Amino acid sequence: MMNWKDRIIVDPAVLVGKPIIKGTRISVELILDRVADGWTMEDMLASYPHITREDVLAALSFAAEIFREERFVAVGKVTA
């Protein structure tokens, strides 16, 4: 699994502290939204040329780790 810690940061001065790709204003949330919309890696790299494949993979790895570590159930989302 990719080590995301060199690429994903939280800066309270950028996007209200949402996790972002280091050196950008591209949030992990945005990457996840694009994947959910069916975007390919090529789509993301073409639309955001200042990020790399490794940045996108780091964002996905970060999100996966959060879900592995956090204990929560989005019952309202699942049953809605």
C-alpha atoms as a PDB file:
ATOM      1  CA  MET A   1       0.000   0.000   0.000  1.00  0.00           C
ATOM      2  CA  MET A   2       1.178   3.493  -0.824  1.00  0.00           C
ATOM      3  CA  ASN A   3       2.532   5.704   1.940  1.00  0.00           C
ATOM      4  CA  TRP A   4       0.341   8.794   1.608  1.00  0.00           C
ATOM      5  CA  LYS A   5       1.975  10.746   4.434  1.00  0.00           C
ATOM      6  CA  ASP A   6       4.434  12.598   2.180  1.00  0.00           C
ATOM      7  CA  ARG A   7       1.684  13.743  -0.190  1.00  0.00           C
ATOM      8  CA  ILE A   8      -1.461  14.421   1.867  1.00  0.00           C
ATOM      9  CA  ILE A   9      -1.497  17.257   4.403  1.00  0.00           C
ATOM     10  CA  VAL A  10      -3.958  19.175   6.537  1.00  0.00           C
ATOM     11  CA  ASP A  11      -3.466  22.926   6.704  1.00  0.00           C
ATOM     12  CA  PRO A  12      -6.118  24.934   8.573  1.00  0.00           C
ATOM     13  CA  ALA A  13      -5.394  27.866   6.227  1.00  0.00           C
ATOM     14  CA  VAL A  14      -6.273  25.845   3.104  1.00  0.00           C
ATOM     15  CA  LEU A  15      -9.832  24.631   2.423  1.00  0.00           C
ATOM     16  CA  VAL A  16     -10.747  24.979   6.098  1.00  0.00           C
ATOM     17  CA  GLY A  17      -8.354  22.189   7.060  1.00  0.00           C
ATOM     18  CA  LYS A  18      -9.629  19.481   4.710  1.00  0.00           C
ATOM     19  CA  PRO A  19      -6.975  16.936   3.721  1.00  0.00           C
ATOM     20  CA  ILE A  20      -5.345  18.099   0.475  1.00  0.00           C
ATOM     21  CA  ILE A  21      -2.623  17.060  -1.917  1.00  0.00           C
ATOM     22  CA  LYS A  22       0.498  18.847  -0.695  1.00  0.00           C
ATOM     23  CA  GLY A  23       1.241  22.050  -2.590  1.00  0.00           C
ATOM     24  CA  THR A  24      -2.257  22.259  -4.093  1.00  0.00           C
ATOM     25  CA  ARG A  25      -5.828  23.123  -3.229  1.00  0.00           C
ATOM     26  CA  ILE A  26      -6.982  19.715  -4.485  1.00  0.00           C
ATOM     27  CA  SER A  27      -8.748  17.915  -1.643  1.00  0.00           C
ATOM     28  CA  VAL A  28      -8.980  14.202  -1.006  1.00  0.00           C
ATOM     29  CA  GLU A  29     -12.737  14.751  -1.063  1.00  0.00           C
ATOM     30  CA  LEU A  30     -12.530  16.124  -4.622  1.00  0.00           C
ATOM     31  CA  ILE A  31     -10.530  13.097  -5.768  1.00  0.00           C
ATOM     32  CA  LEU A  32     -13.092  10.745  -4.217  1.00  0.00           C
ATOM     33  CA  ASP A  33     -15.945  12.661  -5.830  1.00  0.00           C
ATOM     34  CA  ARG A  34     -14.302  12.388  -9.250  1.00  0.00           C
ATOM     35  CA  VAL A  35     -13.753   8.639  -8.833  1.00  0.00           C
ATOM     36  CA  ALA A  36     -17.400   8.271  -7.767  1.00  0.00           C
ATOM     37  CA  ASP A  37     -18.401  10.177 -10.915  1.00  0.00           C
ATOM     38  CA  GLY A  38     -16.528   7.614 -13.014  1.00  0.00           C
ATOM     39  CA  TRP A  39     -13.439   9.648 -13.829  1.00  0.00           C
ATOM     40  CA  THR A  40     -10.377   7.668 -14.824  1.00  0.00           C
ATOM     41  CA  MET A  41      -6.845   8.392 -13.732  1.00  0.00           C
ATOM     42  CA  GLU A  42      -6.252   9.910 -17.171  1.00  0.00           C
ATOM     43  CA  ASP A  43      -9.289  12.200 -16.737  1.00  0.00           C
ATOM     44  CA  MET A  44      -7.944  13.487 -13.432  1.00  0.00           C
ATOM     45  CA  LEU A  45      -4.421  14.058 -14.686  1.00  0.00           C
ATOM     46  CA  ALA A  46      -5.709  15.872 -17.766  1.00  0.00           C
ATOM     47  CA  SER A  47      -8.058  18.085 -15.725  1.00  0.00           C
ATOM     48  CA  TYR A  48      -5.561  18.754 -12.927  1.00  0.00           C
ATOM     49  CA  PRO A  49      -2.143  18.766 -14.655  1.00  0.00           C
ATOM     50  CA  HIS A  50      -0.353  19.959 -11.508  1.00  0.00           C
ATOM     51  CA  ILE A  51      -1.011  16.654  -9.719  1.00  0.00           C
ATOM     52  CA  THR A  52       0.532  13.252 -10.425  1.00  0.00           C
ATOM     53  CA  ARG A  53      -0.680   9.679 -10.534  1.00  0.00           C
ATOM     54  CA  GLU A  54       1.062   9.152  -7.182  1.00  0.00           C
ATOM     55  CA  ASP A  55      -0.877  12.104  -5.711  1.00  0.00           C
ATOM     56  CA  VAL A  56      -4.189  10.539  -6.747  1.00  0.00           C
ATOM     57  CA  LEU A  57      -3.171   7.146  -5.369  1.00  0.00           C
ATOM     58  CA  ALA A  58      -2.064   8.805  -2.122  1.00  0.00           C
ATOM     59  CA  ALA A  59      -5.489  10.451  -1.772  1.00  0.00           C
ATOM     60  CA  LEU A  60      -7.220   7.101  -2.276  1.00  0.00           C
ATOM     61  CA  SER A  61      -4.834   5.389   0.140  1.00  0.00           C
ATOM     62  CA  PHE A  62      -5.467   8.087   2.753  1.00  0.00           C
ATOM     63  CA  ALA A  63      -9.248   7.626   2.432  1.00  0.00           C
ATOM     64  CA  ALA A  64      -8.942   3.843   2.675  1.00  0.00           C
ATOM     65  CA  GLU A  65      -6.842   4.141   5.837  1.00  0.00           C
ATOM     66  CA  ILE A  66      -9.370   6.481   7.436  1.00  0.00           C
ATOM     67  CA  PHE A  67     -12.161   3.963   6.828  1.00  0.00           C
ATOM     68  CA  ARG A  68     -10.054   1.113   8.216  1.00  0.00           C
ATOM     69  CA  GLU A  69      -9.237   3.035  11.385  1.00  0.00           C
ATOM     70  CA  GLU A  70     -12.465   4.884  12.173  1.00  0.00           C
ATOM     71  CA  ARG A  71     -15.355   3.126  13.827  1.00  0.00           C
ATOM     72  CA  PHE A  72     -18.582   4.541  12.507  1.00  0.00           C
ATOM     73  CA  VAL A  73     -21.649   3.464  10.643  1.00  0.00           C
ATOM     74  CA  ALA A  74     -23.364   5.811   8.195  1.00  0.00           C
ATOM     75  CA  VAL A  75     -26.742   4.208   8.858  1.00  0.00           C
ATOM     76  CA  GLY A  76     -28.649   7.286   7.693  1.00  0.00           C
ATOM     77  CA  LYS A  77     -26.817   7.257   4.351  1.00  0.00           C
ATOM     78  CA  VAL A  78     -27.218   3.542   3.782  1.00  0.00           C
ATOM     79  CA  THR A  79     -30.906   3.333   4.665  1.00  0.00           C
ATOM     80  CA  ALA A  80     -31.971   6.575   2.992  1.00  0.00           C
END
